[in-house]
Amino acid sequence: MSDLPRKAVTRTAKLAALPLGIAGRATWGFGKRIVGESAELVGRELQQRTAEQLFKVLGELKGGAMKFGQALSVFESALPEEVAGPYRAALTKLQEAAPPMPTRTVHAVLEERLGKGWQELFLEFEDKPAAAASIGQVHRGVWHDGREVAVKVQYPGAGEALLSDLNQLSRFSRLLGPLIPGMDIKPLIAELKDRVSEELDYGLEAQAQQAHAEEFTDDPDVVVPQVVHQSDQVLVTEWMDGIPLSEIISDGTQEQRDRAGQLLARFLFSGPARTCLLHADPHPGNFRLLPGGPEGADDWRLGVLDFGTVDRLPGGLPATIGESLRMTLDGEAEAVYELLCAEGFVKETIELDPDAVMDYLLPIIEPAQVEEFTFTRGWMRNQAARVADPRSPAYQLGKQLNLPPSYLLIHRVTLSTIGVLCQLGATVRLREELEEWLPGFVPEDPVDGEEAVAEA
């Protein structure tokens, strides 16, 4: 029933075409240079052809291949501009679209999961998908009670394809390195593999989305669609219009960029504090700008979609993050180092200079040092170059730091969100959001603490 290329040998061959294609085009480019063509022009053409192939292969395969492509797309801000330019358009396409599943397959899934009379549940159902993602596609419809809805249908065989792709990509990870220079591909793929079962479980996704929808009901800044119906491989939620964030990145006004950036930062830190869940798929395709914010029709709210990947944080974000960030800003090198050691960021067998650790951290947390900060691709590139250059002290120190498993997803989501803020070029009052929502960032008032003890 599935129209995905499901046989491992077929998918492997397509994925293998990526690094092999890079090698082949490099040889072709060398030949062009021998006959006297400009190295710069040949290089641009090589990059453009590689970008086109990347989108074609990852988009056609959907599954883990497309998931990998979406994950890469939020990091393009870190690339040198001469490399990022040709990839940007191709990678951004993966945030919003992919080749659709045939109508007959969609109807077969709906009949199997909703029953033979599934059409009676809808007043209208559009066969042409409104959007396609890594493991499913979304159709627009009208539920039997008149509500406009989004119907998310999982690709048959998606689980098998997801695992197969990620396993193959893991084997190719060293060859795929040139796609995103300076980025370690293998840990990204490993973390995506760890989330496969959750990504496929629409029941878990429905629970996470409904928890957010209820918490953010009537919120002036953030909108989350309500869950209407859920069954295995089918999820029906309220439809949400708005401007995709990918369009704001490419064509938005500065006012829209700044508002979107502020709300993204707010959602990143307020979501875990309010729901004990971290939305863990922050690529631009999962966000919308909607009119009607707190300042009226000309203001904007942030619409949030796709809760298939979340991190469950019973106490919200760990207070260690806020405490270490605050102490770093205050210049407390010894205290920061002790906290990092206690939390496992520095292994017992490693001994580092606390001041060197501070020198490593301070440039990264620059956005929290000031009242407002303008995120740019240039700033992101500088940070990436600093920690990726083997000649840099930051690179040497970074290799000795450890990222405990409980912080892996938080780290990736934070970096991804910063990547989107840099794509937006947004000016954001980040410190304001940290003070409001990040546990441990604002020290507890000792006077209040003493009064509480006295009252007890």
Protein backbone atom coordinates (compact mmCIF):
# COMPACT_ATOMS: atom_id res chain seq x y z
CA MET A 1 0.00 0.00 0.00
CA SER A 2 2.90 2.35 0.68
CA ASP A 3 4.32 4.49 -2.08
CA LEU A 4 7.53 5.14 -0.16
CA PRO A 5 10.64 3.43 -1.54
CA ARG A 6 10.63 0.87 1.27
CA LYS A 7 13.21 -1.72 0.28
CA ALA A 8 16.43 -1.08 2.15
CA VAL A 9 18.52 -1.61 -0.98
CA THR A 10 16.49 1.04 -2.87
CA ARG A 11 16.70 3.62 -0.11
CA THR A 12 20.38 2.87 0.53
CA ALA A 13 21.18 3.38 -3.14
CA LYS A 14 19.42 6.76 -3.16
CA LEU A 15 21.18 7.91 0.02
CA ALA A 16 24.53 6.65 -1.24
CA ALA A 17 24.03 8.94 -4.22
CA LEU A 18 24.59 11.97 -1.97
CA PRO A 19 28.29 11.50 -1.08
CA LEU A 20 29.02 9.75 -4.38
CA GLY A 21 27.40 12.60 -6.24
CA ILE A 22 29.56 15.10 -4.36
CA ALA A 23 32.69 13.18 -5.36
CA GLY A 24 31.57 12.94 -8.99
CA ARG A 25 30.79 16.62 -9.24
CA ALA A 26 34.14 17.49 -7.64
CA THR A 27 35.88 15.53 -10.42
CA TRP A 28 33.72 17.28 -13.01
CA GLY A 29 34.63 20.64 -11.46
CA PHE A 30 38.33 19.82 -11.55
CA GLY A 31 38.01 19.10 -15.25
CA LYS A 32 36.24 22.41 -15.86
CA ARG A 33 39.03 24.28 -14.06
CA ILE A 34 41.70 22.50 -16.15
CA VAL A 35 40.15 23.95 -19.30
CA GLY A 36 40.34 27.43 -17.85
CA GLU A 37 36.93 28.18 -16.28
CA SER A 38 36.85 30.38 -13.17
CA ALA A 39 37.28 28.39 -9.95
CA GLU A 40 34.72 30.65 -8.25
CA LEU A 41 32.09 30.10 -10.95
CA VAL A 42 32.74 26.36 -11.05
CA GLY A 43 32.52 26.22 -7.24
CA ARG A 44 29.16 27.98 -7.23
CA GLU A 45 27.81 25.66 -9.88
CA LEU A 46 29.02 22.63 -7.90
CA GLN A 47 27.31 23.88 -4.75
CA GLN A 48 24.07 24.62 -6.59
CA ARG A 49 23.97 21.16 -8.16
CA THR A 50 24.68 19.55 -4.78
CA ALA A 51 21.88 21.56 -3.15
CA GLU A 52 19.42 20.51 -5.85
CA GLN A 53 20.36 16.85 -5.41
CA LEU A 54 20.11 17.13 -1.63
CA PHE A 55 16.52 18.36 -1.79
CA LYS A 56 15.55 15.86 -4.47
CA VAL A 57 16.87 12.80 -2.61
CA LEU A 58 15.90 13.77 0.94
CA GLY A 59 12.50 15.12 -0.09
CA GLU A 60 11.56 12.11 -2.24
CA LEU A 61 12.51 9.61 0.45
CA LYS A 62 10.68 11.41 3.25
CA GLY A 63 11.26 9.34 6.39
CA GLY A 64 14.55 9.77 8.22
CA ALA A 65 16.21 11.29 5.17
CA MET A 66 13.85 14.24 5.18
CA LYS A 67 13.96 14.49 8.98
CA PHE A 68 17.75 14.76 8.70
CA GLY A 69 17.40 17.45 6.04
CA GLN A 70 15.00 19.46 8.19
CA ALA A 71 17.38 19.24 11.14
CA LEU A 72 20.24 20.50 8.94
CA SER A 73 18.17 23.38 7.57
CA VAL A 74 18.07 25.30 10.85
CA PHE A 75 21.87 25.28 11.07
CA GLU A 76 22.55 26.93 7.72
CA SER A 77 23.10 30.23 9.58
CA ALA A 78 26.42 28.81 10.79
CA LEU A 79 27.78 28.21 7.30
CA PRO A 80 30.10 30.60 5.47
CA GLU A 81 27.94 32.65 3.11
CA GLU A 82 29.64 31.33 -0.02
CA VAL A 83 28.61 27.81 1.05
CA ALA A 84 25.25 28.68 2.65
CA GLY A 85 23.86 30.56 -0.33
CA PRO A 86 23.33 27.63 -2.70
CA TYR A 87 22.11 25.30 0.07
CA ARG A 88 19.71 27.75 1.73
CA ALA A 89 16.84 27.58 -0.75
CA ALA A 90 17.05 23.81 -1.15
CA LEU A 91 17.19 23.12 2.60
CA THR A 92 14.43 25.62 3.38
CA LYS A 93 12.13 23.80 0.94
CA LEU A 94 12.31 20.80 3.26
CA GLN A 95 10.75 22.88 6.02
CA GLU A 96 7.50 23.30 4.12
CA ALA A 97 7.12 20.73 1.37
CA ALA A 98 7.95 17.33 -0.05
CA PRO A 99 6.58 15.21 -2.90
CA PRO A 100 3.05 14.11 -1.82
CA MET A 101 1.63 10.67 -1.12
CA PRO A 102 -0.87 9.50 -3.78
CA THR A 103 -4.56 10.09 -3.06
CA ARG A 104 -5.37 6.35 -3.17
CA THR A 105 -2.85 5.75 -0.38
CA VAL A 106 -4.27 8.58 1.75
CA HIS A 107 -7.82 7.21 1.38
CA ALA A 108 -6.65 3.68 2.21
CA VAL A 109 -5.01 4.85 5.45
CA LEU A 110 -8.08 6.86 6.45
CA GLU A 111 -10.39 3.91 5.76
CA GLU A 112 -8.17 1.56 7.76
CA ARG A 113 -7.80 3.93 10.74
CA LEU A 114 -11.12 5.82 10.81
CA GLY A 115 -13.42 3.17 9.31
CA LYS A 116 -15.11 2.61 5.96
CA GLY A 117 -17.41 5.57 6.54
CA TRP A 118 -14.56 7.98 7.23
CA GLN A 119 -15.94 10.51 4.72
CA GLU A 120 -18.99 11.01 6.99
CA LEU A 121 -16.69 12.49 9.66
CA PHE A 122 -15.95 15.41 7.33
CA LEU A 123 -18.14 18.00 5.66
CA GLU A 124 -15.18 18.62 3.33
CA PHE A 125 -11.85 16.91 2.74
CA GLU A 126 -9.17 18.13 0.32
CA ASP A 127 -7.28 15.30 -1.39
CA LYS A 128 -4.39 17.58 -2.32
CA PRO A 129 -2.11 17.86 0.73
CA ALA A 130 -1.61 21.28 2.27
CA ALA A 131 1.83 20.31 3.63
CA ALA A 132 4.16 17.32 3.76
CA ALA A 133 6.57 16.39 6.52
CA SER A 134 9.09 13.66 7.25
CA ILE A 135 6.66 10.92 8.36
CA GLY A 136 3.27 12.22 7.27
CA GLN A 137 1.38 14.81 5.28
CA VAL A 138 -1.40 17.24 6.20
CA HIS A 139 -4.75 17.65 4.46
CA ARG A 140 -7.21 20.45 4.99
CA GLY A 141 -10.81 19.61 5.79
CA VAL A 142 -13.99 20.61 7.63
CA TRP A 143 -14.98 18.38 10.56
CA HIS A 144 -18.59 17.27 10.91
CA ASP A 145 -19.20 19.98 13.54
CA GLY A 146 -18.10 22.73 11.15
CA ARG A 147 -14.60 23.30 12.46
CA GLU A 148 -11.81 23.71 9.90
CA VAL A 149 -9.26 21.01 10.59
CA ALA A 150 -5.81 19.76 9.66
CA VAL A 151 -5.72 16.00 9.05
CA LYS A 152 -2.25 14.54 9.56
CA VAL A 153 -1.86 11.16 7.84
CA GLN A 154 1.23 9.03 8.52
CA TYR A 155 2.98 7.48 5.55
CA PRO A 156 2.55 3.67 5.49
CA GLY A 157 5.90 2.12 6.30
CA ALA A 158 7.16 5.37 7.84
CA GLY A 159 8.68 3.63 10.86
CA GLU A 160 10.68 1.21 8.76
CA ALA A 161 11.81 3.99 6.44
CA LEU A 162 12.76 6.27 9.33
CA LEU A 163 15.03 3.74 11.00
CA SER A 164 16.50 2.48 7.73
CA ASP A 165 17.38 5.99 6.58
CA LEU A 166 18.96 7.05 9.84
CA ASN A 167 20.99 3.85 10.05
CA GLN A 168 22.28 4.39 6.52
CA LEU A 169 22.96 8.08 7.10
CA SER A 170 24.89 7.17 10.23
CA ARG A 171 27.17 4.92 8.15
CA PHE A 172 27.67 7.76 5.67
CA SER A 173 28.11 10.45 8.36
CA ARG A 174 31.81 11.05 7.66
CA LEU A 175 31.14 11.44 3.94
CA LEU A 176 28.19 13.75 4.61
CA GLY A 177 30.40 16.10 6.62
CA PRO A 178 31.07 18.40 3.64
CA LEU A 179 27.33 19.19 3.40
CA ILE A 180 27.60 21.20 6.64
CA PRO A 181 31.29 22.05 7.21
CA GLY A 182 32.29 22.27 10.87
CA MET A 183 29.27 20.33 12.12
CA ASP A 184 29.49 16.89 13.71
CA ILE A 185 26.81 14.95 11.85
CA LYS A 186 26.90 11.63 13.71
CA PRO A 187 25.55 12.83 17.14
CA LEU A 188 22.70 14.63 15.35
CA ILE A 189 21.69 11.41 13.58
CA ALA A 190 22.01 9.38 16.81
CA GLU A 191 19.72 11.80 18.64
CA LEU A 192 17.15 11.64 15.82
CA LYS A 193 17.21 7.83 16.06
CA ASP A 194 16.55 7.99 19.79
CA ARG A 195 13.28 9.84 19.10
CA VAL A 196 11.88 7.54 16.42
CA SER A 197 9.27 5.74 18.54
CA GLU A 198 7.88 9.01 19.90
CA GLU A 199 7.78 10.59 16.47
CA LEU A 200 5.64 7.72 15.15
CA ASP A 201 3.20 7.69 18.09
CA TYR A 202 0.37 10.08 17.24
CA GLY A 203 -1.21 9.31 20.63
CA LEU A 204 1.78 10.85 22.43
CA GLU A 205 1.77 13.74 19.99
CA ALA A 206 -1.93 14.39 20.64
CA GLN A 207 -1.32 14.44 24.41
CA ALA A 208 1.57 16.88 24.09
CA GLN A 209 -0.31 19.17 21.71
CA GLN A 210 -3.46 19.19 23.84
CA ALA A 211 -1.45 19.99 26.96
CA HIS A 212 0.00 23.03 25.18
CA ALA A 213 -3.36 24.00 23.67
CA GLU A 214 -5.01 24.04 27.08
CA GLU A 215 -2.17 25.90 28.77
CA PHE A 216 -1.98 28.56 26.06
CA THR A 217 -5.74 29.01 25.63
CA ASP A 218 -6.44 32.77 25.45
CA ASP A 219 -2.71 33.51 25.64
CA PRO A 220 -2.08 36.89 23.99
CA ASP A 221 1.16 35.78 22.34
CA VAL A 222 1.08 32.04 21.53
CA VAL A 223 -1.57 29.96 19.72
CA VAL A 224 -1.67 26.14 19.71
CA PRO A 225 -4.47 24.34 17.79
CA GLN A 226 -6.75 22.05 19.81
CA VAL A 227 -6.77 18.30 19.13
CA VAL A 228 -10.07 17.22 17.51
CA HIS A 229 -9.56 13.47 16.97
CA GLN A 230 -6.73 10.95 17.11
CA SER A 231 -6.28 7.36 16.03
CA ASP A 232 -3.28 5.29 15.02
CA GLN A 233 -1.53 7.01 12.08
CA VAL A 234 -4.15 9.80 11.87
CA LEU A 235 -4.27 13.03 13.89
CA VAL A 236 -6.98 15.66 13.41
CA THR A 237 -6.43 19.12 14.90
CA GLU A 238 -7.94 22.55 14.43
CA TRP A 239 -6.69 24.30 11.30
CA MET A 240 -4.41 27.29 11.75
CA ASP A 241 -3.79 29.91 9.08
CA GLY A 242 -0.98 32.45 9.28
CA ILE A 243 2.29 33.28 7.56
CA PRO A 244 4.85 30.45 7.65
CA LEU A 245 8.03 31.51 9.39
CA SER A 246 9.99 30.48 6.29
CA GLU A 247 8.21 33.31 4.43
CA ILE A 248 9.02 35.78 7.20
CA ILE A 249 12.68 34.72 6.91
CA SER A 250 12.70 35.30 3.15
CA ASP A 251 10.34 38.27 2.76
CA GLY A 252 9.15 39.55 6.16
CA THR A 253 9.42 43.12 7.42
CA GLN A 254 11.85 43.89 10.21
CA GLU A 255 8.90 44.41 12.54
CA GLN A 256 7.63 40.90 11.74
CA ARG A 257 11.13 39.43 12.16
CA ASP A 258 11.63 41.05 15.56
CA ARG A 259 8.18 40.04 16.79
CA ALA A 260 8.63 36.45 15.58
CA GLY A 261 12.05 36.27 17.22
CA GLN A 262 10.79 37.60 20.54
CA LEU A 263 7.91 35.12 20.61
CA LEU A 264 10.15 32.20 19.61
CA ALA A 265 12.45 32.99 22.54
CA ARG A 266 9.43 33.34 24.82
CA PHE A 267 7.98 30.01 23.75
CA LEU A 268 11.35 28.25 24.09
CA PHE A 269 11.60 29.17 27.77
CA SER A 270 7.95 29.58 28.81
CA GLY A 271 6.76 26.28 27.30
CA PRO A 272 8.70 24.01 29.70
CA ALA A 273 7.86 26.27 32.66
CA ARG A 274 4.12 26.12 31.90
CA THR A 275 3.66 22.59 30.53
CA CYS A 276 6.76 20.66 31.70
CA LEU A 277 7.27 19.83 28.01
CA LEU A 278 9.86 21.16 25.57
CA HIS A 279 8.76 21.45 21.93
CA ALA A 280 11.77 19.78 20.33
CA ASP A 281 11.34 20.39 16.59
CA PRO A 282 11.93 24.12 16.15
CA HIS A 283 12.37 24.41 12.40
CA PRO A 284 10.53 27.28 10.65
CA GLY A 285 7.93 25.00 9.05
CA ASN A 286 6.42 24.43 12.50
CA PHE A 287 5.67 28.09 13.23
CA ARG A 288 3.29 30.73 11.88
CA LEU A 289 2.75 34.43 12.47
CA LEU A 290 -0.92 35.26 13.02
CA PRO A 291 -2.46 38.76 13.22
CA GLY A 292 -4.23 39.93 16.36
CA GLY A 293 -1.59 40.16 19.07
CA PRO A 294 -1.96 42.11 22.33
CA GLU A 295 -1.58 45.46 20.53
CA GLY A 296 -4.49 44.72 18.17
CA ALA A 297 -4.99 43.74 14.53
CA ASP A 298 -1.60 45.11 13.47
CA ASP A 299 0.23 43.05 16.09
CA TRP A 300 1.29 39.42 15.75
CA ARG A 301 1.00 36.14 17.64
CA LEU A 302 3.06 32.98 17.23
CA GLY A 303 1.29 29.84 16.04
CA VAL A 304 2.99 26.55 16.98
CA LEU A 305 2.52 23.23 15.16
CA ASP A 306 3.82 19.65 15.30
CA PHE A 307 4.35 18.25 18.78
CA GLY A 308 5.60 14.86 17.57
CA THR A 309 8.95 15.36 19.31
CA VAL A 310 8.96 16.75 22.84
CA ASP A 311 11.25 16.47 25.84
CA ARG A 312 9.41 15.66 29.07
CA LEU A 313 10.77 17.84 31.86
CA PRO A 314 8.77 17.27 35.08
CA GLY A 315 10.38 20.28 36.78
CA GLY A 316 10.72 22.41 33.66
CA LEU A 317 14.16 23.32 32.36
CA PRO A 318 16.89 22.30 34.86
CA ALA A 319 17.78 25.11 37.28
CA THR A 320 21.44 24.29 36.60
CA ILE A 321 21.13 26.01 33.22
CA GLY A 322 19.88 29.26 34.73
CA GLU A 323 22.31 29.15 37.65
CA SER A 324 25.39 28.53 35.51
CA LEU A 325 24.30 31.20 33.01
CA ARG A 326 23.78 33.78 35.79
CA MET A 327 27.11 32.98 37.48
CA THR A 328 28.93 33.15 34.13
CA LEU A 329 27.48 36.61 33.51
CA ASP A 330 28.59 37.59 37.02
CA GLY A 331 32.14 36.37 36.35
CA GLU A 332 32.11 33.65 39.02
CA ALA A 333 34.56 31.33 37.26
CA GLU A 334 35.24 28.94 40.14
CA ALA A 335 31.54 28.53 41.00
CA VAL A 336 30.62 27.91 37.36
CA TYR A 337 33.36 25.31 37.01
CA GLU A 338 32.29 23.50 40.20
CA LEU A 339 28.67 23.39 39.00
CA LEU A 340 29.68 22.05 35.57
CA CYS A 341 31.78 19.35 37.24
CA ALA A 342 28.92 18.40 39.59
CA GLU A 343 26.48 18.08 36.68
CA GLY A 344 28.83 15.96 34.55
CA PHE A 345 29.76 18.58 31.93
CA VAL A 346 33.36 18.02 32.99
CA LYS A 347 34.29 14.39 33.55
CA GLU A 348 36.11 13.39 36.73
CA THR A 349 39.21 12.42 34.75
CA ILE A 350 39.47 15.91 33.20
CA GLU A 351 40.87 19.03 34.85
CA LEU A 352 40.31 22.41 33.21
CA ASP A 353 41.22 26.00 34.01
CA PRO A 354 38.03 27.75 35.27
CA ASP A 355 39.07 31.01 33.60
CA ALA A 356 39.57 29.19 30.28
CA VAL A 357 36.06 27.74 30.64
CA MET A 358 34.74 31.29 31.15
CA ASP A 359 36.56 32.47 28.02
CA TYR A 360 34.88 29.63 26.13
CA LEU A 361 31.37 30.40 27.43
CA LEU A 362 31.21 34.20 27.39
CA PRO A 363 31.00 34.74 23.59
CA ILE A 364 28.24 32.11 23.33
CA ILE A 365 26.06 33.82 25.96
CA GLU A 366 26.56 37.32 24.57
CA PRO A 367 22.79 37.64 23.78
CA ALA A 368 22.03 37.34 27.54
CA GLN A 369 24.55 40.01 28.53
CA VAL A 370 22.63 42.94 27.05
CA GLU A 371 19.11 44.31 27.22
CA GLU A 372 18.47 43.41 23.58
CA PHE A 373 20.54 41.56 21.00
CA THR A 374 20.37 41.36 17.21
CA PHE A 375 20.88 37.78 16.03
CA THR A 376 22.63 37.61 12.65
CA ARG A 377 24.05 34.95 10.39
CA GLY A 378 27.43 36.64 10.76
CA TRP A 379 27.37 36.25 14.55
CA MET A 380 26.35 32.60 14.22
CA ARG A 381 29.12 31.95 11.70
CA ASN A 382 31.69 33.52 14.01
CA GLN A 383 30.58 31.30 16.90
CA ALA A 384 30.64 28.19 14.73
CA ALA A 385 34.08 29.03 13.36
CA ARG A 386 35.46 29.68 16.84
CA VAL A 387 34.49 26.26 18.21
CA ALA A 388 35.12 24.32 14.97
CA ASP A 389 38.60 25.57 14.09
CA PRO A 390 41.19 23.04 15.35
CA ARG A 391 43.66 25.92 15.80
CA SER A 392 41.31 27.71 18.21
CA PRO A 393 41.67 27.41 22.02
CA ALA A 394 37.86 27.16 22.12
CA TYR A 395 38.03 24.07 19.91
CA GLN A 396 40.63 22.42 22.14
CA LEU A 397 38.65 23.15 25.29
CA GLY A 398 35.32 22.19 23.74
CA LYS A 399 36.67 18.73 22.92
CA GLN A 400 37.24 18.15 26.65
CA LEU A 401 33.73 19.14 27.73
CA ASN A 402 30.99 16.53 28.03
CA LEU A 403 27.27 16.85 27.32
CA PRO A 404 25.26 14.66 29.76
CA PRO A 405 22.45 12.66 28.05
CA SER A 406 19.71 14.53 29.96
CA TYR A 407 20.85 17.78 28.32
CA LEU A 408 21.24 16.51 24.73
CA LEU A 409 17.80 17.45 23.44
CA ILE A 410 17.68 20.73 25.39
CA HIS A 411 21.04 21.66 23.84
CA ARG A 412 19.92 20.83 20.29
CA VAL A 413 16.62 22.68 20.64
CA THR A 414 18.34 25.77 22.04
CA LEU A 415 20.94 25.79 19.25
CA SER A 416 18.25 25.21 16.62
CA THR A 417 16.13 28.09 17.96
CA ILE A 418 19.16 30.38 17.94
CA GLY A 419 19.76 29.28 14.34
CA VAL A 420 16.22 30.35 13.42
CA LEU A 421 16.66 33.68 15.24
CA CYS A 422 19.77 34.28 13.14
CA GLN A 423 17.90 33.39 9.95
CA LEU A 424 15.29 35.97 10.97
CA GLY A 425 17.92 38.61 11.78
CA ALA A 426 15.71 39.44 14.76
CA THR A 427 16.42 41.90 17.57
CA VAL A 428 15.30 40.13 20.75
CA ARG A 429 15.10 41.05 24.43
CA LEU A 430 16.40 37.62 25.44
CA ARG A 431 17.40 38.55 28.98
CA GLU A 432 13.81 39.59 29.67
CA GLU A 433 12.58 36.08 28.79
CA LEU A 434 15.32 34.42 30.85
CA GLU A 435 14.42 36.49 33.92
CA GLU A 436 10.75 35.62 33.52
CA TRP A 437 10.92 31.91 32.72
CA LEU A 438 14.34 30.26 33.25
CA PRO A 439 14.67 28.59 36.69
CA GLY A 440 17.80 29.62 38.56
CA PHE A 441 18.58 32.66 36.38
CA VAL A 442 17.24 35.12 38.94
CA PRO A 443 18.70 34.34 42.38
CA GLU A 444 16.26 33.65 45.16
CA ASP A 445 15.85 36.58 47.56
CA PRO A 446 17.59 35.49 50.79
CA VAL A 447 15.31 37.75 52.81
CA ASP A 448 12.23 35.99 51.44
CA GLY A 449 13.85 32.63 52.15
CA GLU A 450 14.58 33.59 55.78
CA GLU A 451 11.01 34.82 56.26
CA ALA A 452 9.67 31.54 54.87
CA VAL A 453 11.82 29.58 57.35
CA ALA A 454 10.70 31.79 60.22
CA GLU A 455 7.02 31.34 59.35
CA ALA A 456 7.47 27.56 59.16
